Amino acid sequence: MQRQGVAAGQKAGMDLVPVEARKPEELDIAFAALKRENVQAILAVSDGFLLSQRQRITQLALRERLPSMFQQREYPEAGG
């Protein structure tokens, strides 16, 4: 799935930087990787874990001043 997303991004003229987080402590690592890669925006693909961490994700995105897109309304309701 990641390869398909990266390929679709390239066709649209964007470089996508996939990062994963499966545990709460990996969120900081993921956002540090995004910062190192100098990303300009994020798209959080929702799953059960990420949805449960929506407040932390929105806080990190705001702290890093990253425009964010989310698939579920719970993210904006959490401050995103």
PDB file of N, CA and C in Angstrom:
ATOM      1  N   MET A   1       0.817  -1.188   0.000  1.00  0.00           N
ATOM      2  CA  MET A   1       0.000   0.000   0.000  1.00  0.00           C
ATOM      3  C   MET A   1       0.869   1.263   0.000  1.00  0.00           C
ATOM      4  N   GLN A   2       1.957   1.268   0.784  1.00  0.00           N
ATOM      5  CA  GLN A   2       2.825   2.447   0.809  1.00  0.00           C
ATOM      6  C   GLN A   2       3.411   2.739  -0.557  1.00  0.00           C
ATOM      7  N   ARG A   3       3.833   1.687  -1.255  1.00  0.00           N
ATOM      8  CA  ARG A   3       4.414   1.893  -2.588  1.00  0.00           C
ATOM      9  C   ARG A   3       3.408   2.527  -3.531  1.00  0.00           C
ATOM     10  N   GLN A   4       2.152   2.097  -3.442  1.00  0.00           N
ATOM     11  CA  GLN A   4       1.116   2.668  -4.302  1.00  0.00           C
ATOM     12  C   GLN A   4       0.908   4.145  -3.977  1.00  0.00           C
ATOM     13  N   GLY A   5       0.912   4.489  -2.700  1.00  0.00           N
ATOM     14  CA  GLY A   5       0.756   5.882  -2.291  1.00  0.00           C
ATOM     15  C   GLY A   5       1.908   6.743  -2.762  1.00  0.00           C
ATOM     16  N   VAL A   6       3.113   6.241  -2.611  1.00  0.00           N
ATOM     17  CA  VAL A   6       4.301   6.984  -3.054  1.00  0.00           C
ATOM     18  C   VAL A   6       4.257   7.181  -4.566  1.00  0.00           C
ATOM     19  N   ALA A   7       3.885   6.124  -5.300  1.00  0.00           N
ATOM     20  CA  ALA A   7       3.801   6.226  -6.758  1.00  0.00           C
ATOM     21  C   ALA A   7       2.725   7.228  -7.170  1.00  0.00           C
ATOM     22  N   ALA A   8       1.586   7.207  -6.501  1.00  0.00           N
ATOM     23  CA  ALA A   8       0.513   8.160  -6.815  1.00  0.00           C
ATOM     24  C   ALA A   8       0.967   9.588  -6.526  1.00  0.00           C
ATOM     25  N   GLY A   9       1.681   9.779  -5.436  1.00  0.00           N
ATOM     26  CA  GLY A   9       2.205  11.100  -5.102  1.00  0.00           C
ATOM     27  C   GLY A   9       3.172  11.606  -6.155  1.00  0.00           C
ATOM     28  N   GLN A  10       4.034  10.730  -6.619  1.00  0.00           N
ATOM     29  CA  GLN A  10       4.996  11.122  -7.646  1.00  0.00           C
ATOM     30  C   GLN A  10       4.292  11.537  -8.939  1.00  0.00           C
ATOM     31  N   LYS A  11       3.232  10.821  -9.297  1.00  0.00           N
ATOM     32  CA  LYS A  11       2.471  11.190 -10.496  1.00  0.00           C
ATOM     33  C   LYS A  11       1.842  12.567 -10.342  1.00  0.00           C
ATOM     34  N   ALA A  12       1.513  12.934  -9.104  1.00  0.00           N
ATOM     35  CA  ALA A  12       0.909  14.245  -8.835  1.00  0.00           C
ATOM     36  C   ALA A  12       1.966  15.316  -8.585  1.00  0.00           C
ATOM     37  N   GLY A  13       3.239  14.946  -8.707  1.00  0.00           N
ATOM     38  CA  GLY A  13       4.317  15.910  -8.513  1.00  0.00           C
ATOM     39  C   GLY A  13       4.684  16.134  -7.058  1.00  0.00           C
ATOM     40  N   MET A  14       4.355  15.176  -6.207  1.00  0.00           N
ATOM     41  CA  MET A  14       4.671  15.294  -4.776  1.00  0.00           C
ATOM     42  C   MET A  14       5.577  14.146  -4.344  1.00  0.00           C
ATOM     43  N   ASP A  15       6.457  14.455  -3.417  1.00  0.00           N
ATOM     44  CA  ASP A  15       7.257  13.412  -2.784  1.00  0.00           C
ATOM     45  C   ASP A  15       6.591  13.071  -1.465  1.00  0.00           C
ATOM     46  N   LEU A  16       6.126  11.831  -1.325  1.00  0.00           N
ATOM     47  CA  LEU A  16       5.500  11.397  -0.093  1.00  0.00           C
ATOM     48  C   LEU A  16       6.533  10.735   0.802  1.00  0.00           C
ATOM     49  N   VAL A  17       6.433  10.990   2.092  1.00  0.00           N
ATOM     50  CA  VAL A  17       7.343  10.421   3.075  1.00  0.00           C
ATOM     51  C   VAL A  17       6.514   9.590   4.049  1.00  0.00           C
ATOM     52  N   PRO A  18       6.397   8.282   3.799  1.00  0.00           N
ATOM     53  CA  PRO A  18       5.601   7.464   4.718  1.00  0.00           C
ATOM     54  C   PRO A  18       6.354   7.233   6.029  1.00  0.00           C
ATOM     55  N   VAL A  19       5.641   7.394   7.124  1.00  0.00           N
ATOM     56  CA  VAL A  19       6.174   7.060   8.446  1.00  0.00           C
ATOM     57  C   VAL A  19       5.123   6.233   9.162  1.00  0.00           C
ATOM     58  N   GLU A  20       5.578   5.410  10.088  1.00  0.00           N
ATOM     59  CA  GLU A  20       4.665   4.556  10.842  1.00  0.00           C
ATOM     60  C   GLU A  20       4.842   4.783  12.331  1.00  0.00           C
ATOM     61  N   ALA A  21       3.766   4.584  13.041  1.00  0.00           N
ATOM     62  CA  ALA A  21       3.793   4.582  14.499  1.00  0.00           C
ATOM     63  C   ALA A  21       2.769   3.550  14.944  1.00  0.00           C
ATOM     64  N   ARG A  22       3.208   2.626  15.751  1.00  0.00           N
ATOM     65  CA  ARG A  22       2.313   1.565  16.238  1.00  0.00           C
ATOM     66  C   ARG A  22       2.165   1.574  17.752  1.00  0.00           C
ATOM     67  N   LYS A  23       2.983   2.419  18.387  1.00  0.00           N
ATOM     68  CA  LYS A  23       2.924   2.578  19.849  1.00  0.00           C
ATOM     69  C   LYS A  23       3.001   4.069  20.141  1.00  0.00           C
ATOM     70  N   PRO A  24       2.426   4.508  21.266  1.00  0.00           N
ATOM     71  CA  PRO A  24       2.430   5.944  21.581  1.00  0.00           C
ATOM     72  C   PRO A  24       3.819   6.571  21.533  1.00  0.00           C
ATOM     73  N   GLU A  25       4.825   5.875  22.021  1.00  0.00           N
ATOM     74  CA  GLU A  25       6.168   6.453  22.040  1.00  0.00           C
ATOM     75  C   GLU A  25       6.771   6.592  20.641  1.00  0.00           C
ATOM     76  N   GLU A  26       6.208   5.921  19.662  1.00  0.00           N
ATOM     77  CA  GLU A  26       6.708   6.028  18.293  1.00  0.00           C
ATOM     78  C   GLU A  26       6.189   7.280  17.581  1.00  0.00           C
ATOM     79  N   LEU A  27       5.188   7.941  18.142  1.00  0.00           N
ATOM     80  CA  LEU A  27       4.664   9.159  17.513  1.00  0.00           C
ATOM     81  C   LEU A  27       5.716  10.257  17.476  1.00  0.00           C
ATOM     82  N   ASP A  28       6.447  10.448  18.578  1.00  0.00           N
ATOM     83  CA  ASP A  28       7.507  11.461  18.589  1.00  0.00           C
ATOM     84  C   ASP A  28       8.585  11.135  17.566  1.00  0.00           C
ATOM     85  N   ILE A  29       8.921   9.854  17.442  1.00  0.00           N
ATOM     86  CA  ILE A  29       9.926   9.422  16.463  1.00  0.00           C
ATOM     87  C   ILE A  29       9.432   9.705  15.047  1.00  0.00           C
ATOM     88  N   ALA A  30       8.159   9.421  14.794  1.00  0.00           N
ATOM     89  CA  ALA A  30       7.584   9.654  13.467  1.00  0.00           C
ATOM     90  C   ALA A  30       7.602  11.143  13.122  1.00  0.00           C
ATOM     91  N   PHE A  31       7.216  11.990  14.070  1.00  0.00           N
ATOM     92  CA  PHE A  31       7.213  13.427  13.781  1.00  0.00           C
ATOM     93  C   PHE A  31       8.631  13.978  13.651  1.00  0.00           C
ATOM     94  N   ALA A  32       9.586  13.408  14.358  1.00  0.00           N
ATOM     95  CA  ALA A  32      10.982  13.820  14.195  1.00  0.00           C
ATOM     96  C   ALA A  32      11.456  13.468  12.786  1.00  0.00           C
ATOM     97  N   ALA A  33      11.042  12.308  12.285  1.00  0.00           N
ATOM     98  CA  ALA A  33      11.406  11.914  10.920  1.00  0.00           C
ATOM     99  C   ALA A  33      10.785  12.871   9.906  1.00  0.00           C
ATOM    100  N   LEU A  34       9.543  13.267  10.141  1.00  0.00           N
ATOM    101  CA  LEU A  34       8.892  14.220   9.239  1.00  0.00           C
ATOM    102  C   LEU A  34       9.634  15.553   9.229  1.00  0.00           C
ATOM    103  N   LYS A  35      10.072  15.974  10.398  1.00  0.00           N
ATOM    104  CA  LYS A  35      10.816  17.241  10.495  1.00  0.00           C
ATOM    105  C   LYS A  35      12.150  17.144   9.751  1.00  0.00           C
ATOM    106  N   ARG A  36      12.856  16.028   9.936  1.00  0.00           N
ATOM    107  CA  ARG A  36      14.138  15.819   9.239  1.00  0.00           C
ATOM    108  C   ARG A  36      13.958  15.851   7.725  1.00  0.00           C
ATOM    109  N   GLU A  37      12.848  15.302   7.268  1.00  0.00           N
ATOM    110  CA  GLU A  37      12.570  15.241   5.830  1.00  0.00           C
ATOM    111  C   GLU A  37      11.979  16.541   5.296  1.00  0.00           C
ATOM    112  N   ASN A  38      11.765  17.506   6.193  1.00  0.00           N
ATOM    113  CA  ASN A  38      11.255  18.822   5.809  1.00  0.00           C
ATOM    114  C   ASN A  38       9.911  18.734   5.069  1.00  0.00           C
ATOM    115  N   VAL A  39       9.013  17.893   5.598  1.00  0.00           N
ATOM    116  CA  VAL A  39       7.701  17.764   4.966  1.00  0.00           C
ATOM    117  C   VAL A  39       6.918  19.059   5.155  1.00  0.00           C
ATOM    118  N   GLN A  40       5.985  19.293   4.261  1.00  0.00           N
ATOM    119  CA  GLN A  40       5.212  20.526   4.294  1.00  0.00           C
ATOM    120  C   GLN A  40       3.780  20.323   4.755  1.00  0.00           C
ATOM    121  N   ALA A  41       3.323  19.077   4.875  1.00  0.00           N
ATOM    122  CA  ALA A  41       1.966  18.780   5.331  1.00  0.00           C
ATOM    123  C   ALA A  41       1.896  17.293   5.676  1.00  0.00           C
ATOM    124  N   ILE A  42       0.861  16.928   6.437  1.00  0.00           N
ATOM    125  CA  ILE A  42       0.676  15.513   6.744  1.00  0.00           C
ATOM    126  C   ILE A  42      -0.743  15.077   6.385  1.00  0.00           C
ATOM    127  N   LEU A  43      -0.858  13.806   6.088  1.00  0.00           N
ATOM    128  CA  LEU A  43      -2.134  13.132   5.918  1.00  0.00           C
ATOM    129  C   LEU A  43      -2.090  11.938   6.848  1.00  0.00           C
ATOM    130  N   ALA A  44      -2.920  11.965   7.871  1.00  0.00           N
ATOM    131  CA  ALA A  44      -2.964  10.850   8.823  1.00  0.00           C
ATOM    132  C   ALA A  44      -3.969   9.828   8.323  1.00  0.00           C
ATOM    133  N   VAL A  45      -3.474   8.666   7.941  1.00  0.00           N
ATOM    134  CA  VAL A  45      -4.339   7.569   7.521  1.00  0.00           C
ATOM    135  C   VAL A  45      -4.836   6.890   8.783  1.00  0.00           C
ATOM    136  N   SER A  46      -6.124   6.793   8.897  1.00  0.00           N
ATOM    137  CA  SER A  46      -6.708   6.344  10.162  1.00  0.00           C
ATOM    138  C   SER A  46      -6.722   4.833  10.318  1.00  0.00           C
ATOM    139  N   ASP A  47      -6.399   4.436  11.504  1.00  0.00           N
ATOM    140  CA  ASP A  47      -6.623   3.072  11.967  1.00  0.00           C
ATOM    141  C   ASP A  47      -6.970   3.188  13.448  1.00  0.00           C
ATOM    142  N   GLY A  48      -7.239   2.101  14.090  1.00  0.00           N
ATOM    143  CA  GLY A  48      -7.664   2.139  15.490  1.00  0.00           C
ATOM    144  C   GLY A  48      -6.648   2.799  16.406  1.00  0.00           C
ATOM    145  N   PHE A  49      -5.371   2.466  16.230  1.00  0.00           N
ATOM    146  CA  PHE A  49      -4.347   3.048  17.089  1.00  0.00           C
ATOM    147  C   PHE A  49      -4.245   4.552  16.872  1.00  0.00           C
ATOM    148  N   LEU A  50      -4.131   4.980  15.624  1.00  0.00           N
ATOM    149  CA  LEU A  50      -3.968   6.408  15.357  1.00  0.00           C
ATOM    150  C   LEU A  50      -5.188   7.195  15.821  1.00  0.00           C
ATOM    151  N   LEU A  51      -6.355   6.638  15.641  1.00  0.00           N
ATOM    152  CA  LEU A  51      -7.558   7.318  16.120  1.00  0.00           C
ATOM    153  C   LEU A  51      -7.516   7.478  17.640  1.00  0.00           C
ATOM    154  N   SER A  52      -7.021   6.469  18.333  1.00  0.00           N
ATOM    155  CA  SER A  52      -6.926   6.559  19.802  1.00  0.00           C
ATOM    156  C   SER A  52      -5.890   7.595  20.236  1.00  0.00           C
ATOM    157  N   GLN A  53      -4.975   7.948  19.351  1.00  0.00           N
ATOM    158  CA  GLN A  53      -3.911   8.911  19.644  1.00  0.00           C
ATOM    159  C   GLN A  53      -4.150  10.266  18.972  1.00  0.00           C
ATOM    160  N   ARG A  54      -5.385  10.538  18.562  1.00  0.00           N
ATOM    161  CA  ARG A  54      -5.680  11.735  17.768  1.00  0.00           C
ATOM    162  C   ARG A  54      -5.311  13.032  18.465  1.00  0.00           C
ATOM    163  N   GLN A  55      -5.497  13.108  19.779  1.00  0.00           N
ATOM    164  CA  GLN A  55      -5.115  14.350  20.464  1.00  0.00           C
ATOM    165  C   GLN A  55      -3.616  14.567  20.389  1.00  0.00           C
ATOM    166  N   ARG A  56      -2.849  13.536  20.617  1.00  0.00           N
ATOM    167  CA  ARG A  56      -1.381  13.655  20.555  1.00  0.00           C
ATOM    168  C   ARG A  56      -0.935  13.997  19.138  1.00  0.00           C
ATOM    169  N   ILE A  57      -1.531  13.361  18.149  1.00  0.00           N
ATOM    170  CA  ILE A  57      -1.162  13.618  16.764  1.00  0.00           C
ATOM    171  C   ILE A  57      -1.459  15.066  16.393  1.00  0.00           C
ATOM    172  N   THR A  58      -2.634  15.555  16.774  1.00  0.00           N
ATOM    173  CA  THR A  58      -2.967  16.946  16.449  1.00  0.00           C
ATOM    174  C   THR A  58      -2.056  17.906  17.200  1.00  0.00           C
ATOM    175  N   GLN A  59      -1.695  17.589  18.437  1.00  0.00           N
ATOM    176  CA  GLN A  59      -0.761  18.441  19.193  1.00  0.00           C
ATOM    177  C   GLN A  59       0.598  18.494  18.515  1.00  0.00           C
ATOM    178  N   LEU A  60       1.094  17.345  18.088  1.00  0.00           N
ATOM    179  CA  LEU A  60       2.400  17.304  17.422  1.00  0.00           C
ATOM    180  C   LEU A  60       2.365  18.068  16.102  1.00  0.00           C
ATOM    181  N   ALA A  61       1.294  17.916  15.341  1.00  0.00           N
ATOM    182  CA  ALA A  61       1.175  18.631  14.071  1.00  0.00           C
ATOM    183  C   ALA A  61       1.133  20.141  14.307  1.00  0.00           C
ATOM    184  N   LEU A  62       0.405  20.568  15.317  1.00  0.00           N
ATOM    185  CA  LEU A  62       0.349  22.002  15.633  1.00  0.00           C
ATOM    186  C   LEU A  62       1.706  22.515  16.101  1.00  0.00           C
ATOM    187  N   ARG A  63       2.369  21.744  16.948  1.00  0.00           N
ATOM    188  CA  ARG A  63       3.687  22.148  17.445  1.00  0.00           C
ATOM    189  C   ARG A  63       4.680  22.322  16.311  1.00  0.00           C
ATOM    190  N   GLU A  64       4.618  21.417  15.343  1.00  0.00           N
ATOM    191  CA  GLU A  64       5.541  21.461  14.210  1.00  0.00           C
ATOM    192  C   GLU A  64       5.029  22.354  13.081  1.00  0.00           C
ATOM    193  N   ARG A  65       3.873  22.951  13.285  1.00  0.00           N
ATOM    194  CA  ARG A  65       3.261  23.861  12.306  1.00  0.00           C
ATOM    195  C   ARG A  65       3.076  23.188  10.949  1.00  0.00           C
ATOM    196  N   LEU A  66       2.568  21.949  10.999  1.00  0.00           N
ATOM    197  CA  LEU A  66       2.331  21.180   9.789  1.00  0.00           C
ATOM    198  C   LEU A  66       0.850  21.208   9.422  1.00  0.00           C
ATOM    199  N   PRO A  67       0.505  21.754   8.272  1.00  0.00           N
ATOM    200  CA  PRO A  67      -0.884  21.620   7.822  1.00  0.00           C
ATOM    201  C   PRO A  67      -1.235  20.136   7.783  1.00  0.00           C
ATOM    202  N   SER A  68      -2.453  19.815   8.191  1.00  0.00           N
ATOM    203  CA  SER A  68      -2.820  18.409   8.366  1.00  0.00           C
ATOM    204  C   SER A  68      -4.157  18.092   7.713  1.00  0.00           C
ATOM    205  N   MET A  69      -4.248  16.884   7.178  1.00  0.00           N
ATOM    206  CA  MET A  69      -5.491  16.362   6.621  1.00  0.00           C
ATOM    207  C   MET A  69      -5.797  15.060   7.342  1.00  0.00           C
ATOM    208  N   PHE A  70      -7.069  14.880   7.651  1.00  0.00           N
ATOM    209  CA  PHE A  70      -7.487  13.695   8.390  1.00  0.00           C
ATOM    210  C   PHE A  70      -8.703  13.081   7.717  1.00  0.00           C
ATOM    211  N   GLN A  71      -8.865  11.785   7.888  1.00  0.00           N
ATOM    212  CA  GLN A  71      -9.980  11.079   7.269  1.00  0.00           C
ATOM    213  C   GLN A  71     -11.232  11.080   8.137  1.00  0.00           C
ATOM    214  N   GLN A  72     -11.104  11.436   9.397  1.00  0.00           N
ATOM    215  CA  GLN A  72     -12.248  11.355  10.293  1.00  0.00           C
ATOM    216  C   GLN A  72     -12.437  12.652  11.045  1.00  0.00           C
ATOM    217  N   ARG A  73     -13.663  12.994  11.344  1.00  0.00           N
ATOM    218  CA  ARG A  73     -13.980  14.254  12.011  1.00  0.00           C
ATOM    219  C   ARG A  73     -13.473  14.311  13.444  1.00  0.00           C
ATOM    220  N   GLU A  74     -13.162  13.184  14.038  1.00  0.00           N
ATOM    221  CA  GLU A  74     -12.674  13.175  15.405  1.00  0.00           C
ATOM    222  C   GLU A  74     -11.338  13.925  15.557  1.00  0.00           C
ATOM    223  N   TYR A  75     -10.562  13.965  14.508  1.00  0.00           N
ATOM    224  CA  TYR A  75      -9.285  14.687  14.565  1.00  0.00           C
ATOM    225  C   TYR A  75      -9.480  16.197  14.717  1.00  0.00           C
ATOM    226  N   PRO A  76     -10.272  16.830  13.860  1.00  0.00           N
ATOM    227  CA  PRO A  76     -10.521  18.256  14.062  1.00  0.00           C
ATOM    228  C   PRO A  76     -11.210  18.538  15.400  1.00  0.00           C
ATOM    229  N   GLU A  77     -12.064  17.630  15.812  1.00  0.00           N
ATOM    230  CA  GLU A  77     -12.720  17.803  17.111  1.00  0.00           C
ATOM    231  C   GLU A  77     -11.695  17.746  18.246  1.00  0.00           C
ATOM    232  N   ALA A  78     -10.572  17.055  18.007  1.00  0.00           N
ATOM    233  CA  ALA A  78      -9.510  16.950  19.013  1.00  0.00           C
ATOM    234  C   ALA A  78      -8.504  18.091  18.899  1.00  0.00           C
ATOM    235  N   GLY A  79      -8.767  19.035  17.994  1.00  0.00           N
ATOM    236  CA  GLY A  79      -7.885  20.187  17.872  1.00  0.00           C
ATOM    237  C   GLY A  79      -7.103  20.270  16.580  1.00  0.00           C
ATOM    238  N   GLY A  80      -7.255  19.302  15.707  1.00  0.00           N
ATOM    239  CA  GLY A  80      -6.510  19.285  14.445  1.00  0.00           C
ATOM    240  C   GLY A  80      -7.126  20.149  13.394  1.00  0.00           C
TER     241      GLY A  80
END
